[in-house]
Amino acid sequence: MIRTTIAGSLPKPTWLAQPNVLYAPWRLEGPQLAEGQDDAVGLWIAEQERAGLDILTDGEQRRRHYIWGFLQGLEGIDTDTLAMKASRGQRYAKETPVARIVGEVAWRGPVLVEALRYMKARTRRPVKVTLPGPMTSADSLLDVHRKRSDADVAMTIAAVLNREALALQEAGADVIQLDEPCFNIYLDEVAEWGIAAVERAFAGIRVKRALHVCYGYGIDIVKAWKASNREWTHYFTTLPLIAGSCVDQVSIETAASGVDVSCIAPMRGKEVMLGVVSVSTEEVETPEQVAARLRAALAHSHHDHLIACTDCGMVPLSRRAAAGKLRALAAGAAIVNRELGLA
């Protein structure tokens, strides 16, 4: 059957952080924060199950920032005193605030394993854990310690990610996903060292290895870029490279972009998490809209390799919109599964 999942993040409840704001500060501290995060995870597990999703995430309810939320658990990285850096190919701004490497980067123990165990104790459905990819992490860091290139930093981060991924695998993760939006920006670097960094991060991983490559959150600065962009051929370069890697699943955006869905053709034999739900609008898709987007992909991917997904994370959306999109996602996939005689 065509299965369903989300890219990763979901909105924070109002008791946890200000809604509709990316990287909003926590509204709780200490034990109350931990309790609030537990409650938020439980809320979204229940919502995903009610909607009928097949593969669940914790909605990244324990992370303010999808990259720094992991990196701050490492030695040698300062996510409090930020620096400015020309990152994301200057697609959105000339410089962006980034965390700093201030010492030797080291893995001091699992960062997300306890969160995974909490989730697995509360659902019997497959569980996905998301991690920031090595290229995107390097692009989000400034090495003031050794002043290394992004390529060198990425390989350092990849080695650390590998230790975390192995710990997550041991703790029972069903899918481990690396988030690499930079794979749609630095196309030459993807070929030169990006794929190698992903392979390093996934060394020894036997569970499903996923790679999320999108065009960004549904926030104003990204939506403005999407509205003016006329070049949507990035996947035609990156997906053939990914197809030759160890990656089992690739997550791409098609709902809120000008991407030609035929770009997934090189991925035949691998699983495609197709973004059929936009994260750029509060408007909730109808199940029929979701179904139409899935049908278009069936010309280029076998149904048992197709997973209906969101374009990107839904953290900037309202809870109402996110919950509605979860239901539309599952209902749209169910329509196509019935048409294919699979349900």
Foldseek 3Di string as FASTA:
>chain_A
DAAAEAQAAAAQPVQFFPALDQLGDGPDDDPVNVVSLLVQLLVVVVLLVVLPHQEYESNPSQASHQAVLQQVQWPQKAPDDWDWDCFPVCLQHRIDTAIERHDQTGHPDARCLVVVLSNVVPDPGAYEDEHAALLVNLRRYQYPHPRDDSLVSSLSVLQNLLVNLVSNVVSPHQEYEYECQSLLRCLVVCVVRVLVSLLSNCPPPDHAYEYEHFQDAQDDSSLVSQVPDDDACSLLRRVLVVLPGPHQEYEAEDCSHPHDLLSCQSNEVGAYAYAQFELNDLDADALQSSLVVVVSNCVRYPSVRYYHYHRHRNHSYDNVSVSRNSNSSSSNVVVVCVVVVND
